[in-house]
Amino acid sequence: LQAANGGEENLPNCLEELTEKEFVFQIHVTLFNFTPNHRTFTVSTITEDTISGTHGKEHGENTLPSSDDDVGLEASPSGPSVLRDKVSEECATADPPEISDAQNNHKHR
């Protein structure tokens, strides 16, 4: 990984596991996604689950079949996207430092 300043930067272990792998993303887009306030998709959760078998039933049948190695990225009409992959629990539960700091500061008020 090349850092913005041109130097090299080490990836966290949970992301290192994802290098050299091929991923399939599934994106469900609704009118909710096309507003001035929703210009990008954000990964809010990484889980060890694969794309759920009920996804097609919840959002119509326009979904691709999934295998154990598939990764799904879904932009739901009620909130941000969810990335699902078989990755370590360390990555699935770890908050970035800025989020952890903000949560800790909020708790101490």
PDB file of N, CA and C in Angstrom:
ATOM      1  N   LEU A   1       0.852  -1.185   0.000  1.00  0.00           N
ATOM      2  CA  LEU A   1       0.000   0.000   0.000  1.00  0.00           C
ATOM      3  C   LEU A   1       0.883   1.228   0.000  1.00  0.00           C
ATOM      4  N   GLN A   2       0.648   2.125  -0.910  1.00  0.00           N
ATOM      5  CA  GLN A   2       1.391   3.372  -0.960  1.00  0.00           C
ATOM      6  C   GLN A   2       0.616   4.429  -0.179  1.00  0.00           C
ATOM      7  N   ALA A   3       1.267   5.018   0.805  1.00  0.00           N
ATOM      8  CA  ALA A   3       0.634   6.074   1.594  1.00  0.00           C
ATOM      9  C   ALA A   3       0.542   7.335   0.746  1.00  0.00           C
ATOM     10  N   ALA A   4      -0.306   8.266   1.151  1.00  0.00           N
ATOM     11  CA  ALA A   4      -0.508   9.503   0.403  1.00  0.00           C
ATOM     12  C   ALA A   4       0.779  10.295   0.247  1.00  0.00           C
ATOM     13  N   ASN A   5       1.696  10.173   1.202  1.00  0.00           N
ATOM     14  CA  ASN A   5       2.938  10.933   1.125  1.00  0.00           C
ATOM     15  C   ASN A   5       3.994  10.224   0.282  1.00  0.00           C
ATOM     16  N   GLY A   6       3.643   9.123  -0.395  1.00  0.00           N
ATOM     17  CA  GLY A   6       4.578   8.422  -1.262  1.00  0.00           C
ATOM     18  C   GLY A   6       5.337   7.306  -0.576  1.00  0.00           C
ATOM     19  N   GLY A   7       5.223   7.190   0.730  1.00  0.00           N
ATOM     20  CA  GLY A   7       5.912   6.131   1.464  1.00  0.00           C
ATOM     21  C   GLY A   7       5.062   4.886   1.551  1.00  0.00           C
ATOM     22  N   GLU A   8       5.621   3.832   2.106  1.00  0.00           N
ATOM     23  CA  GLU A   8       4.869   2.594   2.274  1.00  0.00           C
ATOM     24  C   GLU A   8       4.232   2.563   3.652  1.00  0.00           C
ATOM     25  N   GLU A   9       3.107   1.911   3.739  1.00  0.00           N
ATOM     26  CA  GLU A   9       2.375   1.805   4.996  1.00  0.00           C
ATOM     27  C   GLU A   9       1.912   0.359   5.147  1.00  0.00           C
ATOM     28  N   ASN A  10       2.003  -0.188   6.348  1.00  0.00           N
ATOM     29  CA  ASN A  10       1.555  -1.559   6.596  1.00  0.00           C
ATOM     30  C   ASN A  10       0.049  -1.590   6.787  1.00  0.00           C
ATOM     31  N   LEU A  11      -0.582  -2.605   6.216  1.00  0.00           N
ATOM     32  CA  LEU A  11      -2.017  -2.794   6.387  1.00  0.00           C
ATOM     33  C   LEU A  11      -2.299  -3.470   7.719  1.00  0.00           C
ATOM     34  N   PRO A  12      -3.434  -3.151   8.360  1.00  0.00           N
ATOM     35  CA  PRO A  12      -3.847  -3.912   9.545  1.00  0.00           C
ATOM     36  C   PRO A  12      -4.047  -5.377   9.141  1.00  0.00           C
ATOM     37  N   ASN A  13      -3.863  -6.288  10.087  1.00  0.00           N
ATOM     38  CA  ASN A  13      -3.977  -7.722   9.792  1.00  0.00           C
ATOM     39  C   ASN A  13      -5.305  -8.087   9.139  1.00  0.00           C
ATOM     40  N   CYS A  14      -6.399  -7.477   9.590  1.00  0.00           N
ATOM     41  CA  CYS A  14      -7.705  -7.826   9.033  1.00  0.00           C
ATOM     42  C   CYS A  14      -7.810  -7.444   7.559  1.00  0.00           C
ATOM     43  N   LEU A  15      -7.087  -6.404   7.128  1.00  0.00           N
ATOM     44  CA  LEU A  15      -7.079  -6.038   5.715  1.00  0.00           C
ATOM     45  C   LEU A  15      -6.021  -6.811   4.946  1.00  0.00           C
ATOM     46  N   GLU A  16      -4.936  -7.149   5.607  1.00  0.00           N
ATOM     47  CA  GLU A  16      -3.871  -7.935   4.980  1.00  0.00           C
ATOM     48  C   GLU A  16      -4.430  -9.270   4.479  1.00  0.00           C
ATOM     49  N   GLU A  17      -5.368  -9.853   5.243  1.00  0.00           N
ATOM     50  CA  GLU A  17      -5.985 -11.125   4.860  1.00  0.00           C
ATOM     51  C   GLU A  17      -6.758 -11.014   3.549  1.00  0.00           C
ATOM     52  N   LEU A  18      -7.168  -9.807   3.175  1.00  0.00           N
ATOM     53  CA  LEU A  18      -7.980  -9.606   1.978  1.00  0.00           C
ATOM     54  C   LEU A  18      -7.151  -9.418   0.716  1.00  0.00           C
ATOM     55  N   THR A  19      -5.843  -9.176   0.847  1.00  0.00           N
ATOM     56  CA  THR A  19      -5.010  -8.941  -0.328  1.00  0.00           C
ATOM     57  C   THR A  19      -4.906 -10.205  -1.167  1.00  0.00           C
ATOM     58  N   GLU A  20      -4.745 -10.020  -2.453  1.00  0.00           N
ATOM     59  CA  GLU A  20      -4.598 -11.113  -3.420  1.00  0.00           C
ATOM     60  C   GLU A  20      -5.843 -11.994  -3.521  1.00  0.00           C
ATOM     61  N   LYS A  21      -6.997 -11.514  -3.063  1.00  0.00           N
ATOM     62  CA  LYS A  21      -8.243 -12.272  -3.176  1.00  0.00           C
ATOM     63  C   LYS A  21      -9.156 -11.567  -4.166  1.00  0.00           C
ATOM     64  N   GLU A  22     -10.053 -12.321  -4.750  1.00  0.00           N
ATOM     65  CA  GLU A  22     -11.028 -11.768  -5.677  1.00  0.00           C
ATOM     66  C   GLU A  22     -12.365 -11.669  -4.954  1.00  0.00           C
ATOM     67  N   PHE A  23     -13.058 -10.551  -5.130  1.00  0.00           N
ATOM     68  CA  PHE A  23     -14.313 -10.326  -4.427  1.00  0.00           C
ATOM     69  C   PHE A  23     -15.436 -10.027  -5.408  1.00  0.00           C
ATOM     70  N   VAL A  24     -16.629 -10.437  -5.043  1.00  0.00           N
ATOM     71  CA  VAL A  24     -17.830 -10.143  -5.804  1.00  0.00           C
ATOM     72  C   VAL A  24     -18.704  -9.283  -4.913  1.00  0.00           C
ATOM     73  N   PHE A  25     -19.110  -8.123  -5.414  1.00  0.00           N
ATOM     74  CA  PHE A  25     -19.937  -7.217  -4.633  1.00  0.00           C
ATOM     75  C   PHE A  25     -21.348  -7.200  -5.192  1.00  0.00           C
ATOM     76  N   GLN A  26     -22.285  -7.151  -4.293  1.00  0.00           N
ATOM     77  CA  GLN A  26     -23.682  -7.051  -4.668  1.00  0.00           C
ATOM     78  C   GLN A  26     -24.192  -5.736  -4.102  1.00  0.00           C
ATOM     79  N   ILE A  27     -24.695  -4.875  -4.972  1.00  0.00           N
ATOM     80  CA  ILE A  27     -25.148  -3.553  -4.536  1.00  0.00           C
ATOM     81  C   ILE A  27     -26.631  -3.412  -4.861  1.00  0.00           C
ATOM     82  N   HIS A  28     -27.398  -3.109  -3.850  1.00  0.00           N
ATOM     83  CA  HIS A  28     -28.827  -2.858  -4.026  1.00  0.00           C
ATOM     84  C   HIS A  28     -29.020  -1.348  -3.911  1.00  0.00           C
ATOM     85  N   VAL A  29     -29.420  -0.702  -5.004  1.00  0.00           N
ATOM     86  CA  VAL A  29     -29.553   0.753  -5.028  1.00  0.00           C
ATOM     87  C   VAL A  29     -31.028   1.110  -5.150  1.00  0.00           C
ATOM     88  N   THR A  30     -31.457   2.063  -4.325  1.00  0.00           N
ATOM     89  CA  THR A  30     -32.834   2.552  -4.377  1.00  0.00           C
ATOM     90  C   THR A  30     -32.806   4.068  -4.525  1.00  0.00           C
ATOM     91  N   LEU A  31     -33.973   4.675  -4.612  1.00  0.00           N
ATOM     92  CA  LEU A  31     -34.038   6.136  -4.693  1.00  0.00           C
ATOM     93  C   LEU A  31     -33.394   6.795  -3.482  1.00  0.00           C
ATOM     94  N   PHE A  32     -33.392   6.114  -2.343  1.00  0.00           N
ATOM     95  CA  PHE A  32     -32.753   6.626  -1.135  1.00  0.00           C
ATOM     96  C   PHE A  32     -31.290   6.965  -1.393  1.00  0.00           C
ATOM     97  N   ASN A  33     -30.634   6.186  -2.252  1.00  0.00           N
ATOM     98  CA  ASN A  33     -29.211   6.363  -2.518  1.00  0.00           C
ATOM     99  C   ASN A  33     -28.905   7.563  -3.409  1.00  0.00           C
ATOM    100  N   PHE A  34     -29.902   8.158  -4.040  1.00  0.00           N
ATOM    101  CA  PHE A  34     -29.680   9.268  -4.952  1.00  0.00           C
ATOM    102  C   PHE A  34     -30.213  10.576  -4.381  1.00  0.00           C
ATOM    103  N   THR A  35     -29.586  11.041  -3.332  1.00  0.00           N
ATOM    104  CA  THR A  35     -29.923  12.333  -2.751  1.00  0.00           C
ATOM    105  C   THR A  35     -28.637  13.115  -2.557  1.00  0.00           C
ATOM    106  N   PRO A  36     -28.724  14.427  -2.373  1.00  0.00           N
ATOM    107  CA  PRO A  36     -27.505  15.218  -2.133  1.00  0.00           C
ATOM    108  C   PRO A  36     -26.741  14.766  -0.890  1.00  0.00           C
ATOM    109  N   ASN A  37     -27.425  14.124   0.054  1.00  0.00           N
ATOM    110  CA  ASN A  37     -26.776  13.683   1.288  1.00  0.00           C
ATOM    111  C   ASN A  37     -26.159  12.293   1.188  1.00  0.00           C
ATOM    112  N   HIS A  38     -26.385  11.567   0.113  1.00  0.00           N
ATOM    113  CA  HIS A  38     -25.881  10.200  -0.028  1.00  0.00           C
ATOM    114  C   HIS A  38     -25.118  10.069  -1.343  1.00  0.00           C
ATOM    115  N   ARG A  39     -23.900  10.579  -1.372  1.00  0.00           N
ATOM    116  CA  ARG A  39     -23.097  10.545  -2.592  1.00  0.00           C
ATOM    117  C   ARG A  39     -22.110   9.385  -2.623  1.00  0.00           C
ATOM    118  N   THR A  40     -21.859   8.758  -1.495  1.00  0.00           N
ATOM    119  CA  THR A  40     -20.901   7.656  -1.443  1.00  0.00           C
ATOM    120  C   THR A  40     -21.504   6.493  -0.672  1.00  0.00           C
ATOM    121  N   PHE A  41     -20.939   5.321  -0.874  1.00  0.00           N
ATOM    122  CA  PHE A  41     -21.327   4.148  -0.110  1.00  0.00           C
ATOM    123  C   PHE A  41     -20.276   3.924   0.959  1.00  0.00           C
ATOM    124  N   THR A  42     -20.699   3.590   2.152  1.00  0.00           N
ATOM    125  CA  THR A  42     -19.795   3.400   3.283  1.00  0.00           C
ATOM    126  C   THR A  42     -19.967   2.003   3.850  1.00  0.00           C
ATOM    127  N   VAL A  43     -18.859   1.350   4.134  1.00  0.00           N
ATOM    128  CA  VAL A  43     -18.915   0.044   4.790  1.00  0.00           C
ATOM    129  C   VAL A  43     -19.089   0.287   6.274  1.00  0.00           C
ATOM    130  N   SER A  44     -20.186  -0.204   6.831  1.00  0.00           N
ATOM    131  CA  SER A  44     -20.434   0.004   8.253  1.00  0.00           C
ATOM    132  C   SER A  44     -20.192  -1.258   9.071  1.00  0.00           C
ATOM    133  N   THR A  45     -20.202  -2.415   8.421  1.00  0.00           N
ATOM    134  CA  THR A  45     -20.042  -3.667   9.142  1.00  0.00           C
ATOM    135  C   THR A  45     -19.312  -4.676   8.273  1.00  0.00           C
ATOM    136  N   ILE A  46     -18.397  -5.418   8.887  1.00  0.00           N
ATOM    137  CA  ILE A  46     -17.763  -6.553   8.229  1.00  0.00           C
ATOM    138  C   ILE A  46     -18.086  -7.762   9.093  1.00  0.00           C
ATOM    139  N   THR A  47     -18.724  -8.752   8.495  1.00  0.00           N
ATOM    140  CA  THR A  47     -19.103  -9.931   9.258  1.00  0.00           C
ATOM    141  C   THR A  47     -18.519 -11.180   8.619  1.00  0.00           C
ATOM    142  N   GLU A  48     -18.624 -12.297   9.321  1.00  0.00           N
ATOM    143  CA  GLU A  48     -18.169 -13.563   8.776  1.00  0.00           C
ATOM    144  C   GLU A  48     -19.265 -14.253   7.978  1.00  0.00           C
ATOM    145  N   ASP A  49     -20.434 -13.659   7.898  1.00  0.00           N
ATOM    146  CA  ASP A  49     -21.540 -14.231   7.140  1.00  0.00           C
ATOM    147  C   ASP A  49     -21.331 -13.999   5.652  1.00  0.00           C
ATOM    148  N   THR A  50     -21.833 -14.915   4.833  1.00  0.00           N
ATOM    149  CA  THR A  50     -21.860 -14.688   3.396  1.00  0.00           C
ATOM    150  C   THR A  50     -23.173 -13.998   3.077  1.00  0.00           C
ATOM    151  N   ILE A  51     -23.381 -13.669   1.824  1.00  0.00           N
ATOM    152  CA  ILE A  51     -24.634 -13.030   1.434  1.00  0.00           C
ATOM    153  C   ILE A  51     -25.776 -13.942   1.852  1.00  0.00           C
ATOM    154  N   SER A  52     -26.726 -13.396   2.567  1.00  0.00           N
ATOM    155  CA  SER A  52     -27.802 -14.225   3.102  1.00  0.00           C
ATOM    156  C   SER A  52     -28.698 -14.740   1.987  1.00  0.00           C
ATOM    157  N   GLY A  53     -29.211 -15.936   2.176  1.00  0.00           N
ATOM    158  CA  GLY A  53     -30.104 -16.540   1.196  1.00  0.00           C
ATOM    159  C   GLY A  53     -31.426 -15.820   1.105  1.00  0.00           C
ATOM    160  N   THR A  54     -31.778 -15.056   2.137  1.00  0.00           N
ATOM    161  CA  THR A  54     -33.049 -14.340   2.133  1.00  0.00           C
ATOM    162  C   THR A  54     -32.943 -12.979   1.480  1.00  0.00           C
ATOM    163  N   HIS A  55     -31.737 -12.552   1.114  1.00  0.00           N
ATOM    164  CA  HIS A  55     -31.574 -11.213   0.532  1.00  0.00           C
ATOM    165  C   HIS A  55     -32.454 -11.027  -0.697  1.00  0.00           C
ATOM    166  N   GLY A  56     -32.483 -12.008  -1.592  1.00  0.00           N
ATOM    167  CA  GLY A  56     -33.280 -11.899  -2.808  1.00  0.00           C
ATOM    168  C   GLY A  56     -34.761 -11.799  -2.518  1.00  0.00           C
ATOM    169  N   LYS A  57     -35.220 -12.468  -1.477  1.00  0.00           N
ATOM    170  CA  LYS A  57     -36.628 -12.435  -1.114  1.00  0.00           C
ATOM    171  C   LYS A  57     -37.008 -11.091  -0.515  1.00  0.00           C
ATOM    172  N   GLU A  58     -36.057 -10.450   0.194  1.00  0.00           N
ATOM    173  CA  GLU A  58     -36.343  -9.164   0.817  1.00  0.00           C
ATOM    174  C   GLU A  58     -36.343  -8.031  -0.198  1.00  0.00           C
ATOM    175  N   HIS A  59     -35.472  -8.112  -1.211  1.00  0.00           N
ATOM    176  CA  HIS A  59     -35.257  -6.993  -2.118  1.00  0.00           C
ATOM    177  C   HIS A  59     -35.565  -7.335  -3.569  1.00  0.00           C
ATOM    178  N   GLY A  60     -36.374  -8.344  -3.827  1.00  0.00           N
ATOM    179  CA  GLY A  60     -36.637  -8.763  -5.191  1.00  0.00           C
ATOM    180  C   GLY A  60     -35.681  -9.878  -5.581  1.00  0.00           C
ATOM    181  N   GLU A  61     -35.876 -10.443  -6.720  1.00  0.00           N
ATOM    182  CA  GLU A  61     -35.071 -11.594  -7.127  1.00  0.00           C
ATOM    183  C   GLU A  61     -33.902 -11.206  -8.020  1.00  0.00           C
ATOM    184  N   ASN A  62     -33.510  -9.949  -8.069  1.00  0.00           N
ATOM    185  CA  ASN A  62     -32.409  -9.498  -8.907  1.00  0.00           C
ATOM    186  C   ASN A  62     -31.076  -9.627  -8.198  1.00  0.00           C
ATOM    187  N   THR A  63     -30.797 -10.792  -7.649  1.00  0.00           N
ATOM    188  CA  THR A  63     -29.540 -11.005  -6.944  1.00  0.00           C
ATOM    189  C   THR A  63     -28.769 -12.118  -7.623  1.00  0.00           C
ATOM    190  N   LEU A  64     -27.461 -12.043  -7.525  1.00  0.00           N
ATOM    191  CA  LEU A  64     -26.600 -13.069  -8.089  1.00  0.00           C
ATOM    192  C   LEU A  64     -26.436 -14.204  -7.099  1.00  0.00           C
ATOM    193  N   PRO A  65     -26.288 -15.437  -7.581  1.00  0.00           N
ATOM    194  CA  PRO A  65     -26.030 -16.533  -6.651  1.00  0.00           C
ATOM    195  C   PRO A  65     -24.702 -16.313  -5.955  1.00  0.00           C
ATOM    196  N   SER A  66     -24.607 -16.771  -4.716  1.00  0.00           N
ATOM    197  CA  SER A  66     -23.372 -16.568  -3.968  1.00  0.00           C
ATOM    198  C   SER A  66     -22.739 -17.904  -3.639  1.00  0.00           C
ATOM    199  N   SER A  67     -21.421 -17.876  -3.455  1.00  0.00           N
ATOM    200  CA  SER A  67     -20.702 -19.052  -2.989  1.00  0.00           C
ATOM    201  C   SER A  67     -20.056 -18.698  -1.669  1.00  0.00           C
ATOM    202  N   ASP A  68     -19.372 -19.653  -1.050  1.00  0.00           N
ATOM    203  CA  ASP A  68     -18.744 -19.408   0.244  1.00  0.00           C
ATOM    204  C   ASP A  68     -17.669 -18.338   0.177  1.00  0.00           C
ATOM    205  N   ASP A  69     -17.098 -18.085  -1.008  1.00  0.00           N
ATOM    206  CA  ASP A  69     -16.034 -17.095  -1.124  1.00  0.00           C
ATOM    207  C   ASP A  69     -16.538 -15.731  -1.568  1.00  0.00           C
ATOM    208  N   ASP A  70     -17.844 -15.592  -1.818  1.00  0.00           N
ATOM    209  CA  ASP A  70     -18.375 -14.314  -2.273  1.00  0.00           C
ATOM    210  C   ASP A  70     -18.395 -13.297  -1.150  1.00  0.00           C
ATOM    211  N   VAL A  71     -18.325 -12.047  -1.535  1.00  0.00           N
ATOM    212  CA  VAL A  71     -18.450 -10.934  -0.614  1.00  0.00           C
ATOM    213  C   VAL A  71     -19.620 -10.110  -1.101  1.00  0.00           C
ATOM    214  N   GLY A  72     -20.478  -9.657  -0.206  1.00  0.00           N
ATOM    215  CA  GLY A  72     -21.606  -8.848  -0.613  1.00  0.00           C
ATOM    216  C   GLY A  72     -21.501  -7.442  -0.074  1.00  0.00           C
ATOM    217  N   LEU A  73     -21.771  -6.461  -0.912  1.00  0.00           N
ATOM    218  CA  LEU A  73     -21.835  -5.066  -0.492  1.00  0.00           C
ATOM    219  C   LEU A  73     -23.236  -4.605  -0.805  1.00  0.00           C
ATOM    220  N   GLU A  74     -23.957  -4.202   0.197  1.00  0.00           N
ATOM    221  CA  GLU A  74     -25.349  -3.842   0.008  1.00  0.00           C
ATOM    222  C   GLU A  74     -25.590  -2.435   0.518  1.00  0.00           C
ATOM    223  N   ALA A  75     -26.209  -1.608  -0.303  1.00  0.00           N
ATOM    224  CA  ALA A  75     -26.652  -0.289   0.126  1.00  0.00           C
ATOM    225  C   ALA A  75     -28.140  -0.405   0.380  1.00  0.00           C
ATOM    226  N   SER A  76     -28.516  -0.496   1.614  1.00  0.00           N
ATOM    227  CA  SER A  76     -29.920  -0.707   1.937  1.00  0.00           C
ATOM    228  C   SER A  76     -30.676   0.610   1.890  1.00  0.00           C
ATOM    229  N   PRO A  77     -31.983   0.570   1.664  1.00  0.00           N
ATOM    230  CA  PRO A  77     -32.758   1.797   1.612  1.00  0.00           C
ATOM    231  C   PRO A  77     -32.867   2.480   2.967  1.00  0.00           C
ATOM    232  N   SER A  78     -32.523   1.797   4.045  1.00  0.00           N
ATOM    233  CA  SER A  78     -32.670   2.391   5.368  1.00  0.00           C
ATOM    234  C   SER A  78     -31.354   2.830   5.983  1.00  0.00           C
ATOM    235  N   GLY A  79     -30.249   2.676   5.296  1.00  0.00           N
ATOM    236  CA  GLY A  79     -28.991   3.079   5.901  1.00  0.00           C
ATOM    237  C   GLY A  79     -27.804   2.788   5.026  1.00  0.00           C
ATOM    238  N   PRO A  80     -26.594   2.866   5.613  1.00  0.00           N
ATOM    239  CA  PRO A  80     -25.368   2.695   4.840  1.00  0.00           C
ATOM    240  C   PRO A  80     -25.156   1.252   4.417  1.00  0.00           C
ATOM    241  N   SER A  81     -24.146   1.054   3.581  1.00  0.00           N
ATOM    242  CA  SER A  81     -23.842  -0.258   3.032  1.00  0.00           C
ATOM    243  C   SER A  81     -23.289  -1.200   4.081  1.00  0.00           C
ATOM    244  N   VAL A  82     -23.380  -2.476   3.785  1.00  0.00           N
ATOM    245  CA  VAL A  82     -22.829  -3.501   4.661  1.00  0.00           C
ATOM    246  C   VAL A  82     -21.927  -4.391   3.817  1.00  0.00           C
ATOM    247  N   LEU A  83     -20.699  -4.588   4.256  1.00  0.00           N
ATOM    248  CA  LEU A  83     -19.769  -5.477   3.576  1.00  0.00           C
ATOM    249  C   LEU A  83     -19.739  -6.778   4.340  1.00  0.00           C
ATOM    250  N   ARG A  84     -19.962  -7.872   3.656  1.00  0.00           N
ATOM    251  CA  ARG A  84     -19.957  -9.175   4.320  1.00  0.00           C
ATOM    252  C   ARG A  84     -18.847 -10.013   3.721  1.00  0.00           C
ATOM    253  N   ASP A  85     -17.984 -10.544   4.565  1.00  0.00           N
ATOM    254  CA  ASP A  85     -16.882 -11.374   4.103  1.00  0.00           C
ATOM    255  C   ASP A  85     -16.456 -12.286   5.229  1.00  0.00           C
ATOM    256  N   LYS A  86     -15.810 -13.372   4.889  1.00  0.00           N
ATOM    257  CA  LYS A  86     -15.260 -14.262   5.904  1.00  0.00           C
ATOM    258  C   LYS A  86     -13.892 -13.723   6.286  1.00  0.00           C
ATOM    259  N   VAL A  87     -13.869 -12.843   7.264  1.00  0.00           N
ATOM    260  CA  VAL A  87     -12.620 -12.269   7.757  1.00  0.00           C
ATOM    261  C   VAL A  87     -12.542 -12.501   9.253  1.00  0.00           C
ATOM    262  N   SER A  88     -11.389 -12.218   9.810  1.00  0.00           N
ATOM    263  CA  SER A  88     -11.203 -12.463  11.239  1.00  0.00           C
ATOM    264  C   SER A  88     -12.116 -11.583  12.073  1.00  0.00           C
ATOM    265  N   GLU A  89     -12.460 -12.073  13.249  1.00  0.00           N
ATOM    266  CA  GLU A  89     -13.322 -11.321  14.156  1.00  0.00           C
ATOM    267  C   GLU A  89     -12.649 -10.026  14.584  1.00  0.00           C
ATOM    268  N   GLU A  90     -11.318 -10.030  14.609  1.00  0.00           N
ATOM    269  CA  GLU A  90     -10.563  -8.827  14.973  1.00  0.00           C
ATOM    270  C   GLU A  90     -10.966  -7.654  14.090  1.00  0.00           C
ATOM    271  N   CYS A  91     -11.103  -7.896  12.812  1.00  0.00           N
ATOM    272  CA  CYS A  91     -11.466  -6.836  11.882  1.00  0.00           C
ATOM    273  C   CYS A  91     -12.951  -6.507  12.002  1.00  0.00           C
ATOM    274  N   ALA A  92     -13.756  -7.503  12.247  1.00  0.00           N
ATOM    275  CA  ALA A  92     -15.196  -7.303  12.303  1.00  0.00           C
ATOM    276  C   ALA A  92     -15.612  -6.475  13.508  1.00  0.00           C
ATOM    277  N   THR A  93     -14.851  -6.540  14.599  1.00  0.00           N
ATOM    278  CA  THR A  93     -15.275  -5.857  15.810  1.00  0.00           C
ATOM    279  C   THR A  93     -14.454  -4.626  16.132  1.00  0.00           C
ATOM    280  N   ALA A  94     -13.357  -4.412  15.452  1.00  0.00           N
ATOM    281  CA  ALA A  94     -12.475  -3.293  15.787  1.00  0.00           C
ATOM    282  C   ALA A  94     -13.001  -2.002  15.187  1.00  0.00           C
ATOM    283  N   ASP A  95     -13.076  -0.967  16.013  1.00  0.00           N
ATOM    284  CA  ASP A  95     -13.423   0.360  15.529  1.00  0.00           C
ATOM    285  C   ASP A  95     -12.147   1.092  15.158  1.00  0.00           C
ATOM    286  N   PRO A  96     -12.189   1.916  14.097  1.00  0.00           N
ATOM    287  CA  PRO A  96     -11.031   2.755  13.818  1.00  0.00           C
ATOM    288  C   PRO A  96     -10.750   3.653  15.016  1.00  0.00           C
ATOM    289  N   PRO A  97      -9.497   4.059  15.235  1.00  0.00           N
ATOM    290  CA  PRO A  97      -9.152   4.859  16.418  1.00  0.00           C
ATOM    291  C   PRO A  97     -10.000   6.110  16.573  1.00  0.00           C
ATOM    292  N   GLU A  98     -10.313   6.790  15.462  1.00  0.00           N
ATOM    293  CA  GLU A  98     -11.091   8.022  15.590  1.00  0.00           C
ATOM    294  C   GLU A  98     -12.503   7.744  16.081  1.00  0.00           C
ATOM    295  N   ILE A  99     -13.080   6.598  15.721  1.00  0.00           N
ATOM    296  CA  ILE A  99     -14.415   6.254  16.208  1.00  0.00           C
ATOM    297  C   ILE A  99     -14.351   5.863  17.675  1.00  0.00           C
ATOM    298  N   SER A 100     -13.369   5.041  18.046  1.00  0.00           N
ATOM    299  CA  SER A 100     -13.219   4.637  19.444  1.00  0.00           C
ATOM    300  C   SER A 100     -12.998   5.847  20.333  1.00  0.00           C
ATOM    301  N   ASP A 101     -12.137   6.779  19.909  1.00  0.00           N
ATOM    302  CA  ASP A 101     -11.873   7.987  20.689  1.00  0.00           C
ATOM    303  C   ASP A 101     -13.139   8.819  20.841  1.00  0.00           C
ATOM    304  N   ALA A 102     -13.894   8.962  19.757  1.00  0.00           N
ATOM    305  CA  ALA A 102     -15.116   9.757  19.818  1.00  0.00           C
ATOM    306  C   ALA A 102     -16.126   9.112  20.760  1.00  0.00           C
ATOM    307  N   GLN A 103     -16.238   7.781  20.711  1.00  0.00           N
ATOM    308  CA  GLN A 103     -17.175   7.093  21.596  1.00  0.00           C
ATOM    309  C   GLN A 103     -16.744   7.231  23.047  1.00  0.00           C
ATOM    310  N   ASN A 104     -15.460   7.106  23.325  1.00  0.00           N
ATOM    311  CA  ASN A 104     -14.962   7.247  24.693  1.00  0.00           C
ATOM    312  C   ASN A 104     -15.173   8.662  25.204  1.00  0.00           C
ATOM    313  N   ASN A 105     -14.924   9.668  24.372  1.00  0.00           N
ATOM    314  CA  ASN A 105     -15.135  11.057  24.781  1.00  0.00           C
ATOM    315  C   ASN A 105     -16.604  11.320  25.058  1.00  0.00           C
ATOM    316  N   HIS A 106     -17.481  10.735  24.241  1.00  0.00           N
ATOM    317  CA  HIS A 106     -18.915  10.923  24.427  1.00  0.00           C
ATOM    318  C   HIS A 106     -19.382  10.294  25.743  1.00  0.00           C
ATOM    319  N   LYS A 107     -18.824   9.158  26.123  1.00  0.00           N
ATOM    320  CA  LYS A 107     -19.216   8.472  27.353  1.00  0.00           C
ATOM    321  C   LYS A 107     -18.799   9.243  28.595  1.00  0.00           C
ATOM    322  N   HIS A 108     -17.738  10.029  28.512  1.00  0.00           N
ATOM    323  CA  HIS A 108     -17.219  10.739  29.680  1.00  0.00           C
ATOM    324  C   HIS A 108     -17.896  12.089  29.904  1.00  0.00           C
ATOM    325  N   ARG A 109     -18.843  12.455  29.065  1.00  0.00           N
ATOM    326  CA  ARG A 109     -19.516  13.758  29.225  1.00  0.00           C
ATOM    327  C   ARG A 109     -20.576  13.709  30.276  1.00  0.00           C
TER     328      ARG A 109
END
